[in-house]
Amino acid sequence: MSDRITVVIDTINVRKLRNIQAKMIITSPKSISFSRVLNLVVSEGLKKFKV
């Protein structure tokens, strides 16, 4: 289940996420949403923290 929230992201980080999205779009036959990219990056980053 997912929640709809509003997040403010720095322009530099948006640019980096868009570049990741562009690379994923090139290699994937499916559509890749910005939300999907953001969730993948956040989940990978959260793996570093033991909660």
Protein backbone atom coordinates (compact mmCIF):
# COMPACT_ATOMS: atom_id res chain seq x y z
CA MET A 1 0.00 0.00 0.00
CA SER A 2 1.29 3.45 -0.75
CA ASP A 3 0.46 6.89 0.56
CA ARG A 4 0.25 10.12 -1.39
CA ILE A 5 2.48 12.72 0.22
CA THR A 6 4.13 15.98 -0.73
CA VAL A 7 7.93 16.20 -0.56
CA VAL A 8 10.27 19.08 -1.32
CA ILE A 9 13.46 17.89 -3.07
CA ASP A 10 16.52 19.99 -3.92
CA THR A 11 16.98 20.77 -7.60
CA ILE A 12 20.31 18.96 -7.71
CA ASN A 13 18.75 15.79 -6.32
CA VAL A 14 15.83 15.99 -8.75
CA ARG A 15 18.32 16.26 -11.61
CA LYS A 16 20.17 13.17 -10.34
CA LEU A 17 16.92 11.23 -9.98
CA ARG A 18 15.85 12.23 -13.49
CA ASN A 19 19.19 10.99 -14.85
CA ILE A 20 18.66 7.66 -13.09
CA GLN A 21 15.15 7.54 -14.53
CA ALA A 22 16.45 8.25 -18.04
CA LYS A 23 18.96 5.40 -17.81
CA MET A 24 16.26 3.04 -16.54
CA ILE A 25 13.88 4.05 -19.34
CA ILE A 26 16.52 3.25 -21.96
CA THR A 27 17.13 -0.24 -20.58
CA SER A 28 13.54 -1.18 -19.65
CA PRO A 29 10.66 -2.08 -21.96
CA LYS A 30 8.21 -0.87 -19.27
CA SER A 31 7.47 2.71 -18.31
CA ILE A 32 9.46 4.00 -15.35
CA SER A 33 7.77 6.65 -13.22
CA PHE A 34 9.60 9.26 -11.19
CA SER A 35 7.89 7.89 -8.07
CA ARG A 36 9.23 4.42 -8.78
CA VAL A 37 12.77 5.74 -9.15
CA LEU A 38 12.45 7.77 -5.96
CA ASN A 39 11.13 4.76 -4.03
CA LEU A 40 13.97 2.56 -5.29
CA VAL A 41 16.62 5.10 -4.32
CA VAL A 42 15.08 5.69 -0.90
CA SER A 43 14.72 1.96 -0.17
CA GLU A 44 18.37 1.36 -1.12
CA GLY A 45 19.45 4.24 1.09
CA LEU A 46 17.38 3.00 4.02
CA LYS A 47 19.10 -0.38 3.91
CA LYS A 48 22.16 1.32 5.42
CA PHE A 49 20.22 2.12 8.60
CA LYS A 50 19.33 -0.49 11.18
CA VAL A 51 15.87 0.46 12.44
